[in-house]
Amino acid sequence: MKRRKRRRAQKQAQKPLDRGVAKRGPGRPGVRFSEIRGRAEHYRLIFGQIWERLREPLLNANTEQEAIQAFEQYGSPYAQEFAPALAALILKVIHGPKFPKWAEPQANFLADSLAGRGSISPSRSRDICGSERAKDRLKSPYRILRREFYIECSCGYKGPARDDACRKCGAEIPIWMGTWLSPKSD
């Protein structure tokens, strides 16, 4: 009898404490599209501030050291974000055949390309940013301004509510009733 209890105890003790963490499936580990999109938007803001000063020296850079110096001299507040770690990737993007000719598209192109930080290719990073922006464009620009209920109040009023309250006496609809009766809206 004691042996059975011990065996059960041993089996139960072998279960992991953190059951919420599941093993990753087969295939390559993925990247978070929202993370790449957010980083691209951040880089777009940065390049929007420093691109006028940084553009010429960076486009004239041919080595990683020249790119690092360009960032240190002309993009000083943000040099640590890009300079040593992404210098080779920056040169690859700048000297690529698809790099735009005009200033603003150049800054945006570079920002979207660097958002993957080398874990994915620059073109894949641009594709992800484009698809995430397309998803945002598909969302409706409209939103719910007011939700109304048809109520029967203890004051005797029967009809539609205004701003979650009785039109006659102003008694408010409890918040739990609003979440219970209406579908969740995002």
Protein backbone atom coordinates (compact mmCIF):
# COMPACT_ATOMS: atom_id res chain seq x y z
CA MET A 1 0.00 0.00 0.00
CA LYS A 2 2.80 2.40 0.86
CA ARG A 3 4.60 1.60 -2.40
CA ARG A 4 1.63 2.74 -4.45
CA LYS A 5 1.45 6.06 -2.63
CA ARG A 6 5.15 6.63 -3.14
CA ARG A 7 4.90 5.91 -6.85
CA ARG A 8 1.96 8.31 -7.19
CA ALA A 9 3.84 10.94 -5.25
CA GLN A 10 6.86 10.52 -7.52
CA LYS A 11 4.74 10.82 -10.66
CA GLN A 12 3.06 13.97 -9.40
CA ALA A 13 6.36 15.53 -8.40
CA GLN A 14 7.69 15.12 -11.93
CA LYS A 15 5.04 17.46 -13.35
CA PRO A 16 6.44 20.88 -14.17
CA LEU A 17 5.52 23.81 -11.98
CA ASP A 18 5.05 26.17 -14.91
CA ARG A 19 2.47 24.43 -17.05
CA GLY A 20 1.66 27.64 -18.94
CA VAL A 21 4.92 27.56 -20.88
CA ALA A 22 4.51 25.20 -23.80
CA LYS A 23 7.21 23.81 -26.03
CA ARG A 24 7.75 25.57 -29.30
CA GLY A 25 6.54 23.74 -32.38
CA PRO A 26 8.72 22.59 -35.26
CA GLY A 27 10.19 25.08 -37.70
CA ARG A 28 12.07 28.33 -37.45
CA PRO A 29 11.31 30.61 -34.52
CA GLY A 30 9.14 33.48 -35.65
CA VAL A 31 9.32 37.18 -35.09
CA ARG A 32 6.67 39.41 -33.61
CA PHE A 33 5.27 41.57 -36.37
CA SER A 34 3.98 44.18 -33.93
CA GLU A 35 7.44 44.50 -32.38
CA ILE A 36 9.06 45.09 -35.77
CA ARG A 37 6.35 47.58 -36.74
CA GLY A 38 6.76 49.47 -33.46
CA ARG A 39 10.52 49.62 -33.85
CA ALA A 40 10.13 50.86 -37.44
CA GLU A 41 7.82 53.66 -36.28
CA HIS A 42 10.34 54.59 -33.60
CA TYR A 43 13.17 54.64 -36.14
CA ARG A 44 11.05 56.75 -38.50
CA LEU A 45 10.68 59.36 -35.77
CA ILE A 46 14.42 59.30 -35.07
CA PHE A 47 15.40 59.62 -38.73
CA GLY A 48 12.81 62.34 -39.18
CA GLN A 49 14.77 64.42 -36.66
CA ILE A 50 18.34 63.72 -37.78
CA TRP A 51 18.14 62.74 -41.46
CA GLU A 52 18.91 66.22 -42.85
CA ARG A 53 22.25 66.31 -41.03
CA LEU A 54 23.03 62.61 -41.31
CA ARG A 55 22.02 61.97 -44.92
CA GLU A 56 25.08 63.14 -46.89
CA PRO A 57 27.81 61.73 -44.60
CA LEU A 58 26.00 58.42 -44.29
CA LEU A 59 25.38 58.06 -48.01
CA ASN A 60 29.05 58.82 -48.70
CA ALA A 61 30.22 56.17 -46.18
CA ASN A 62 31.77 53.08 -47.74
CA THR A 63 33.07 51.28 -44.64
CA GLU A 64 31.53 50.41 -41.30
CA GLN A 65 33.92 52.78 -39.54
CA GLU A 66 32.81 55.70 -41.73
CA ALA A 67 29.15 54.89 -41.00
CA ILE A 68 29.87 54.80 -37.25
CA GLN A 69 31.67 58.15 -37.47
CA ALA A 70 28.77 59.66 -39.42
CA PHE A 71 26.33 58.62 -36.70
CA GLU A 72 28.61 59.84 -33.92
CA GLN A 73 29.10 63.27 -35.52
CA TYR A 74 25.72 63.98 -37.12
CA GLY A 75 23.26 61.76 -35.25
CA SER A 76 24.76 62.16 -31.80
CA PRO A 77 21.69 61.69 -29.58
CA TYR A 78 20.89 58.37 -31.28
CA ALA A 79 24.35 57.11 -32.23
CA GLN A 80 24.34 54.28 -29.68
CA GLU A 81 21.07 52.94 -31.08
CA PHE A 82 22.55 52.36 -34.54
CA ALA A 83 26.30 52.90 -34.74
CA PRO A 84 28.26 49.84 -33.72
CA ALA A 85 25.58 47.16 -33.91
CA LEU A 86 23.84 48.00 -37.18
CA ALA A 87 26.63 49.64 -39.19
CA ALA A 88 27.06 46.72 -41.61
CA LEU A 89 23.31 46.39 -42.10
CA ILE A 90 22.99 50.14 -42.72
CA LEU A 91 25.64 50.01 -45.44
CA LYS A 92 23.95 47.00 -47.03
CA VAL A 93 20.61 48.84 -47.17
CA ILE A 94 22.04 52.17 -48.35
CA HIS A 95 24.08 50.61 -51.15
CA GLY A 96 21.27 48.27 -52.20
CA PRO A 97 19.64 48.66 -55.62
CA LYS A 98 16.18 49.56 -54.24
CA PHE A 99 17.34 52.43 -52.02
CA PRO A 100 15.26 55.55 -52.90
CA LYS A 101 16.71 58.77 -54.33
CA TRP A 102 14.74 61.37 -52.33
CA ALA A 103 15.37 62.33 -48.71
CA GLU A 104 12.11 61.45 -46.94
CA PRO A 105 11.59 58.09 -48.66
CA GLN A 106 15.23 57.27 -47.89
CA ALA A 107 14.71 57.84 -44.16
CA ASN A 108 11.52 55.76 -44.11
CA PHE A 109 13.07 52.99 -46.22
CA LEU A 110 16.08 52.80 -43.90
CA ALA A 111 13.89 52.82 -40.78
CA ASP A 112 11.70 49.98 -42.07
CA SER A 113 14.73 47.99 -43.22
CA LEU A 114 16.55 48.28 -39.87
CA ALA A 115 13.50 47.37 -37.77
CA GLY A 116 14.37 43.66 -37.98
CA ARG A 117 17.81 44.46 -36.49
CA GLY A 118 19.47 41.79 -38.63
CA SER A 119 17.43 38.86 -37.28
CA ILE A 120 15.49 38.96 -40.55
CA SER A 121 16.48 40.38 -43.91
CA PRO A 122 15.88 44.08 -44.60
CA SER A 123 13.40 43.28 -47.37
CA ARG A 124 11.41 40.98 -45.06
CA SER A 125 11.40 43.71 -42.44
CA ARG A 126 9.96 46.18 -44.99
CA ASP A 127 7.36 43.60 -46.03
CA ILE A 128 6.26 43.10 -42.42
CA CYS A 129 6.01 46.85 -41.84
CA GLY A 130 3.97 47.27 -45.01
CA SER A 131 1.57 44.47 -44.13
CA GLU A 132 1.07 45.82 -40.60
CA ARG A 133 0.34 49.29 -41.97
CA ALA A 134 -2.14 47.75 -44.42
CA LYS A 135 -3.93 46.09 -41.49
CA ASP A 136 -4.20 49.47 -39.76
CA ARG A 137 -5.64 51.06 -42.91
CA LEU A 138 -8.33 48.38 -43.04
CA LYS A 139 -9.57 49.21 -39.56
CA SER A 140 -12.61 51.42 -39.45
CA PRO A 141 -11.91 55.07 -38.67
CA TYR A 142 -15.22 55.24 -36.82
CA ARG A 143 -15.86 54.43 -33.18
CA ILE A 144 -18.86 54.14 -30.89
CA LEU A 145 -19.63 57.50 -29.31
CA ARG A 146 -22.66 56.55 -27.26
CA ARG A 147 -24.36 53.30 -26.29
CA GLU A 148 -28.06 53.32 -25.48
CA PHE A 149 -30.42 50.89 -23.82
CA TYR A 150 -34.17 50.58 -23.82
CA ILE A 151 -34.97 50.83 -20.12
CA GLU A 152 -37.84 50.60 -17.69
CA CYS A 153 -37.02 52.80 -14.71
CA SER A 154 -38.54 52.71 -11.21
CA CYS A 155 -39.70 56.31 -11.76
CA GLY A 156 -42.10 55.04 -14.42
CA TYR A 157 -40.15 56.03 -17.52
CA LYS A 158 -40.09 53.49 -20.34
CA GLY A 159 -37.96 54.15 -23.39
CA PRO A 160 -34.41 54.61 -24.62
CA ALA A 161 -31.78 55.65 -22.11
CA ARG A 162 -29.54 58.63 -22.73
CA ASP A 163 -25.84 58.35 -21.83
CA ASP A 164 -26.47 55.23 -19.73
CA ALA A 165 -29.06 56.95 -17.55
CA CYS A 166 -32.82 57.44 -17.31
CA ARG A 167 -34.01 60.42 -19.37
CA LYS A 168 -36.62 61.36 -16.78
CA CYS A 169 -34.90 61.06 -13.39
CA GLY A 170 -31.22 60.57 -14.34
CA ALA A 171 -30.80 57.22 -12.57
CA GLU A 172 -27.69 55.62 -14.00
CA ILE A 173 -27.53 52.12 -15.43
CA PRO A 174 -25.15 50.06 -13.27
CA ILE A 175 -21.86 49.33 -15.01
CA TRP A 176 -22.20 45.58 -14.46
CA MET A 177 -25.47 45.63 -16.38
CA GLY A 178 -23.80 47.28 -19.37
CA THR A 179 -21.08 44.66 -19.54
CA TRP A 180 -23.48 41.82 -18.95
CA LEU A 181 -26.08 42.82 -21.52
CA SER A 182 -24.02 44.19 -24.37
CA PRO A 183 -21.35 42.44 -26.41
CA LYS A 184 -17.78 43.46 -25.80
CA SER A 185 -16.60 46.08 -28.30
CA ASP A 186 -12.96 46.83 -29.14
